[in-house]
Amino acid sequence: MNIKVKGGTAQGDDAPLCVACRSAQVVTGDRGQEYTRCAELGARVTFKVVTCSEFVSRQHPSLWHMEDIAWILRTDNRKRQVGFVRGRDLDHRARLGLDED
């Protein structure tokens, strides 16, 4: 019995992983030239990357973006009020306190 797993092994014609990575800067010329620089490595990548332990997909929002659009439940004990506040409306100190909640 043969089992075939689709997408399990990288093929020679697959796009490099860096193209979809948030840490990569990929510049492509009109004649197929390509320059790739990795922010995680701090260096130029001169080969086609198939796997990477620091890969972060561009399709998923960053933590900063998720905090920016989040609604945070806040309580005000002095005014005895409870309500939601947008993450972007919090000042810097209040944003740092989010991890403690």
N, C-alpha and C. Protein backbone atom coordinates (compact mmCIF):
# COMPACT_ATOMS: atom_id res chain seq x y z
N MET A 1 0.83 -1.16 0.00
CA MET A 1 0.00 0.00 0.00
C MET A 1 0.88 1.24 0.00
N ASN A 2 0.65 2.15 -0.94
CA ASN A 2 1.38 3.41 -1.04
C ASN A 2 0.52 4.55 -0.53
N ILE A 3 1.12 5.40 0.28
CA ILE A 3 0.43 6.58 0.79
C ILE A 3 1.16 7.80 0.29
N LYS A 4 0.41 8.73 -0.30
CA LYS A 4 1.01 9.96 -0.80
C LYS A 4 0.51 11.13 0.04
N VAL A 5 1.43 11.91 0.60
CA VAL A 5 1.09 13.06 1.40
C VAL A 5 1.31 14.30 0.55
N LYS A 6 0.24 15.04 0.28
CA LYS A 6 0.35 16.26 -0.53
C LYS A 6 0.93 17.38 0.32
N GLY A 7 1.90 18.09 -0.22
CA GLY A 7 2.51 19.21 0.47
C GLY A 7 3.48 18.80 1.56
N GLY A 8 3.81 17.52 1.65
CA GLY A 8 4.69 17.04 2.71
C GLY A 8 6.16 17.25 2.41
N THR A 9 6.52 17.20 1.14
CA THR A 9 7.91 17.36 0.74
C THR A 9 8.01 18.49 -0.28
N ALA A 10 8.98 19.35 -0.11
CA ALA A 10 9.15 20.46 -1.04
C ALA A 10 9.59 19.95 -2.40
N GLN A 11 9.02 20.51 -3.42
CA GLN A 11 9.37 20.16 -4.79
C GLN A 11 10.32 21.20 -5.35
N GLY A 12 10.99 20.88 -6.41
CA GLY A 12 11.94 21.80 -7.02
C GLY A 12 11.30 23.04 -7.60
N ASP A 13 10.02 22.95 -8.00
CA ASP A 13 9.35 24.09 -8.61
C ASP A 13 8.53 24.92 -7.61
N ASP A 14 8.56 24.58 -6.33
CA ASP A 14 7.85 25.36 -5.31
C ASP A 14 8.53 26.71 -5.11
N ALA A 15 7.74 27.71 -4.72
CA ALA A 15 8.30 29.03 -4.43
C ALA A 15 9.13 28.96 -3.15
N PRO A 16 10.19 29.77 -3.06
CA PRO A 16 10.98 29.78 -1.82
C PRO A 16 10.13 30.21 -0.62
N LEU A 17 10.43 29.69 0.54
CA LEU A 17 9.68 29.99 1.75
C LEU A 17 9.76 31.47 2.09
N CYS A 18 10.84 32.11 1.75
CA CYS A 18 11.04 33.52 2.08
C CYS A 18 9.99 34.43 1.45
N VAL A 19 9.43 34.03 0.34
CA VAL A 19 8.43 34.86 -0.35
C VAL A 19 7.22 35.10 0.56
N ALA A 20 6.88 34.14 1.40
CA ALA A 20 5.71 34.26 2.27
C ALA A 20 6.07 34.62 3.71
N CYS A 21 7.33 34.94 3.99
CA CYS A 21 7.78 35.21 5.36
C CYS A 21 7.77 36.70 5.67
N ARG A 22 7.29 37.04 6.88
CA ARG A 22 7.24 38.44 7.33
C ARG A 22 8.64 39.04 7.50
N SER A 23 9.63 38.22 7.79
CA SER A 23 10.99 38.72 8.06
C SER A 23 11.82 38.92 6.80
N ALA A 24 11.29 38.54 5.65
CA ALA A 24 12.09 38.59 4.42
C ALA A 24 11.76 39.81 3.58
N GLN A 25 12.79 40.33 2.96
CA GLN A 25 12.63 41.37 1.95
C GLN A 25 13.08 40.73 0.64
N VAL A 26 12.14 40.56 -0.28
CA VAL A 26 12.43 39.90 -1.55
C VAL A 26 12.23 40.90 -2.68
N VAL A 27 13.28 41.12 -3.45
CA VAL A 27 13.23 42.04 -4.58
C VAL A 27 13.44 41.22 -5.84
N THR A 28 12.52 41.35 -6.80
CA THR A 28 12.61 40.59 -8.05
C THR A 28 12.71 41.56 -9.22
N GLY A 29 13.63 41.30 -10.12
CA GLY A 29 13.81 42.13 -11.30
C GLY A 29 12.97 41.66 -12.47
N ASP A 30 12.97 42.44 -13.53
CA ASP A 30 12.16 42.11 -14.70
C ASP A 30 12.71 40.93 -15.50
N ARG A 31 13.94 40.56 -15.27
CA ARG A 31 14.54 39.43 -15.98
C ARG A 31 14.73 38.22 -15.09
N GLY A 32 13.99 38.17 -13.99
CA GLY A 32 14.06 37.02 -13.11
C GLY A 32 15.13 37.10 -12.03
N GLN A 33 15.87 38.23 -11.97
CA GLN A 33 16.86 38.38 -10.91
C GLN A 33 16.11 38.48 -9.58
N GLU A 34 16.73 37.95 -8.54
CA GLU A 34 16.08 37.99 -7.23
C GLU A 34 17.11 38.27 -6.14
N TYR A 35 16.76 39.17 -5.24
CA TYR A 35 17.59 39.50 -4.09
C TYR A 35 16.73 39.28 -2.85
N THR A 36 17.21 38.46 -1.93
CA THR A 36 16.46 38.17 -0.71
C THR A 36 17.33 38.50 0.50
N ARG A 37 16.74 39.25 1.42
CA ARG A 37 17.42 39.60 2.67
C ARG A 37 16.52 39.20 3.83
N CYS A 38 17.10 38.52 4.81
CA CYS A 38 16.36 38.05 5.97
C CYS A 38 16.64 38.95 7.17
N ALA A 39 15.59 39.52 7.74
CA ALA A 39 15.76 40.39 8.91
C ALA A 39 16.15 39.59 10.15
N GLU A 40 15.70 38.35 10.27
CA GLU A 40 16.05 37.51 11.41
C GLU A 40 17.54 37.16 11.39
N LEU A 41 18.06 36.83 10.22
CA LEU A 41 19.47 36.49 10.11
C LEU A 41 20.35 37.73 10.01
N GLY A 42 19.77 38.81 9.51
CA GLY A 42 20.56 40.02 9.28
C GLY A 42 21.52 39.83 8.13
N ALA A 43 21.15 38.99 7.17
CA ALA A 43 22.05 38.69 6.07
C ALA A 43 21.27 38.39 4.80
N ARG A 44 21.98 38.37 3.70
CA ARG A 44 21.39 38.03 2.41
C ARG A 44 21.30 36.51 2.31
N VAL A 45 20.19 36.03 1.74
CA VAL A 45 19.99 34.61 1.52
C VAL A 45 20.22 34.35 0.03
N THR A 46 21.19 33.51 -0.28
CA THR A 46 21.57 33.30 -1.68
C THR A 46 21.08 31.97 -2.25
N PHE A 47 20.23 31.27 -1.51
CA PHE A 47 19.73 29.98 -1.99
C PHE A 47 18.23 29.91 -1.73
N LYS A 48 17.59 28.93 -2.33
CA LYS A 48 16.15 28.75 -2.17
C LYS A 48 15.89 28.08 -0.83
N VAL A 49 15.15 28.75 0.06
CA VAL A 49 14.87 28.24 1.39
C VAL A 49 13.66 27.31 1.33
N VAL A 50 13.79 26.11 1.90
CA VAL A 50 12.72 25.13 1.91
C VAL A 50 12.08 25.04 3.29
N THR A 51 12.90 25.07 4.36
CA THR A 51 12.40 25.10 5.73
C THR A 51 13.16 26.16 6.52
N CYS A 52 12.49 26.72 7.52
CA CYS A 52 13.13 27.74 8.35
C CYS A 52 12.48 27.72 9.73
N SER A 53 13.29 27.69 10.78
CA SER A 53 12.75 27.64 12.14
C SER A 53 12.20 28.98 12.60
N GLU A 54 12.52 30.06 11.91
CA GLU A 54 12.05 31.39 12.29
C GLU A 54 10.97 31.92 11.34
N PHE A 55 10.36 31.06 10.53
CA PHE A 55 9.35 31.47 9.56
C PHE A 55 8.10 32.03 10.25
N VAL A 56 7.66 33.21 9.81
CA VAL A 56 6.42 33.82 10.28
C VAL A 56 5.64 34.25 9.04
N SER A 57 4.46 33.70 8.86
CA SER A 57 3.67 33.94 7.66
C SER A 57 3.22 35.40 7.57
N ARG A 58 3.31 35.97 6.38
CA ARG A 58 2.82 37.32 6.12
C ARG A 58 1.30 37.37 6.18
N GLN A 59 0.64 36.24 6.01
CA GLN A 59 -0.82 36.20 5.97
C GLN A 59 -1.44 36.40 7.35
N HIS A 60 -0.69 36.14 8.40
CA HIS A 60 -1.22 36.28 9.75
C HIS A 60 -0.81 37.63 10.33
N PRO A 61 -1.71 38.31 11.03
CA PRO A 61 -1.36 39.62 11.60
C PRO A 61 -0.33 39.47 12.72
N SER A 62 0.46 40.50 12.90
CA SER A 62 1.44 40.50 13.98
C SER A 62 0.75 40.74 15.31
N LEU A 63 1.44 40.50 16.40
CA LEU A 63 0.89 40.73 17.73
C LEU A 63 0.51 42.19 17.90
N TRP A 64 1.33 43.10 17.39
CA TRP A 64 1.03 44.53 17.50
C TRP A 64 -0.28 44.85 16.79
N HIS A 65 -0.50 44.32 15.59
CA HIS A 65 -1.73 44.57 14.86
C HIS A 65 -2.95 43.99 15.59
N MET A 66 -2.80 42.81 16.17
CA MET A 66 -3.92 42.23 16.90
C MET A 66 -4.26 43.05 18.13
N GLU A 67 -3.25 43.57 18.85
CA GLU A 67 -3.51 44.42 20.00
C GLU A 67 -4.15 45.74 19.57
N ASP A 68 -3.77 46.24 18.40
CA ASP A 68 -4.28 47.51 17.91
C ASP A 68 -5.78 47.43 17.61
N ILE A 69 -6.26 46.30 17.10
CA ILE A 69 -7.67 46.18 16.73
C ILE A 69 -8.51 45.54 17.83
N ALA A 70 -7.87 45.09 18.91
CA ALA A 70 -8.59 44.37 19.97
C ALA A 70 -9.47 45.31 20.79
N TRP A 71 -10.54 44.76 21.32
CA TRP A 71 -11.39 45.45 22.29
C TRP A 71 -11.04 44.86 23.66
N ILE A 72 -10.69 45.73 24.61
CA ILE A 72 -10.26 45.30 25.93
C ILE A 72 -11.34 45.68 26.94
N LEU A 73 -11.71 44.73 27.78
CA LEU A 73 -12.70 44.98 28.82
C LEU A 73 -12.00 45.65 30.01
N ARG A 74 -12.45 46.84 30.36
CA ARG A 74 -11.85 47.59 31.46
C ARG A 74 -12.90 47.88 32.53
N THR A 75 -12.47 47.93 33.77
CA THR A 75 -13.35 48.31 34.87
C THR A 75 -12.79 49.54 35.55
N ASP A 76 -13.69 50.43 35.93
CA ASP A 76 -13.30 51.64 36.65
C ASP A 76 -13.97 51.56 38.02
N ASN A 77 -13.20 51.21 39.04
CA ASN A 77 -13.75 51.03 40.38
C ASN A 77 -14.28 52.33 40.98
N ARG A 78 -13.64 53.45 40.64
CA ARG A 78 -14.09 54.73 41.21
C ARG A 78 -15.47 55.11 40.68
N LYS A 79 -15.68 54.95 39.38
CA LYS A 79 -16.97 55.32 38.77
C LYS A 79 -17.93 54.13 38.73
N ARG A 80 -17.45 52.97 39.15
CA ARG A 80 -18.24 51.74 39.13
C ARG A 80 -18.80 51.47 37.73
N GLN A 81 -17.89 51.56 36.72
CA GLN A 81 -18.27 51.32 35.34
C GLN A 81 -17.45 50.18 34.77
N VAL A 82 -18.09 49.46 33.86
CA VAL A 82 -17.42 48.40 33.12
C VAL A 82 -17.69 48.65 31.65
N GLY A 83 -16.66 48.50 30.81
CA GLY A 83 -16.87 48.72 29.38
C GLY A 83 -15.66 48.31 28.56
N PHE A 84 -15.88 48.33 27.26
CA PHE A 84 -14.83 47.96 26.32
C PHE A 84 -14.11 49.20 25.82
N VAL A 85 -12.80 49.04 25.60
CA VAL A 85 -11.95 50.09 25.06
C VAL A 85 -11.16 49.49 23.91
N ARG A 86 -11.01 50.25 22.84
CA ARG A 86 -10.18 49.76 21.73
C ARG A 86 -8.71 49.81 22.15
N GLY A 87 -7.95 48.84 21.71
CA GLY A 87 -6.53 48.78 22.05
C GLY A 87 -5.78 50.01 21.61
N ARG A 88 -6.13 50.56 20.45
CA ARG A 88 -5.41 51.73 19.94
C ARG A 88 -5.72 53.00 20.74
N ASP A 89 -6.83 52.98 21.52
CA ASP A 89 -7.19 54.15 22.32
C ASP A 89 -6.50 54.17 23.68
N LEU A 90 -5.84 53.09 24.05
CA LEU A 90 -5.13 53.05 25.33
C LEU A 90 -3.80 53.77 25.21
N ASP A 91 -3.39 54.43 26.29
CA ASP A 91 -2.08 55.05 26.27
C ASP A 91 -1.00 53.96 26.43
N HIS A 92 0.23 54.36 26.26
CA HIS A 92 1.35 53.40 26.25
C HIS A 92 1.43 52.62 27.56
N ARG A 93 1.24 53.28 28.70
CA ARG A 93 1.33 52.61 30.00
C ARG A 93 0.23 51.55 30.15
N ALA A 94 -0.97 51.89 29.72
CA ALA A 94 -2.08 50.94 29.83
C ALA A 94 -1.86 49.74 28.92
N ARG A 95 -1.26 49.96 27.75
CA ARG A 95 -0.97 48.86 26.84
C ARG A 95 0.05 47.91 27.46
N LEU A 96 1.04 48.44 28.17
CA LEU A 96 2.03 47.58 28.80
C LEU A 96 1.42 46.74 29.89
N GLY A 97 0.36 47.22 30.52
CA GLY A 97 -0.30 46.50 31.58
C GLY A 97 -1.20 45.38 31.10
N LEU A 98 -1.39 45.24 29.78
CA LEU A 98 -2.26 44.20 29.25
C LEU A 98 -1.76 42.82 29.60
N ASP A 99 -0.46 42.64 29.66
CA ASP A 99 0.10 41.32 29.95
C ASP A 99 -0.22 40.87 31.38
N GLU A 100 -0.44 41.82 32.28
CA GLU A 100 -0.70 41.48 33.67
C GLU A 100 -2.11 40.99 33.90
N ASP A 101 -3.06 41.39 33.03
CA ASP A 101 -4.48 41.02 33.20
C ASP A 101 -4.73 39.57 32.91
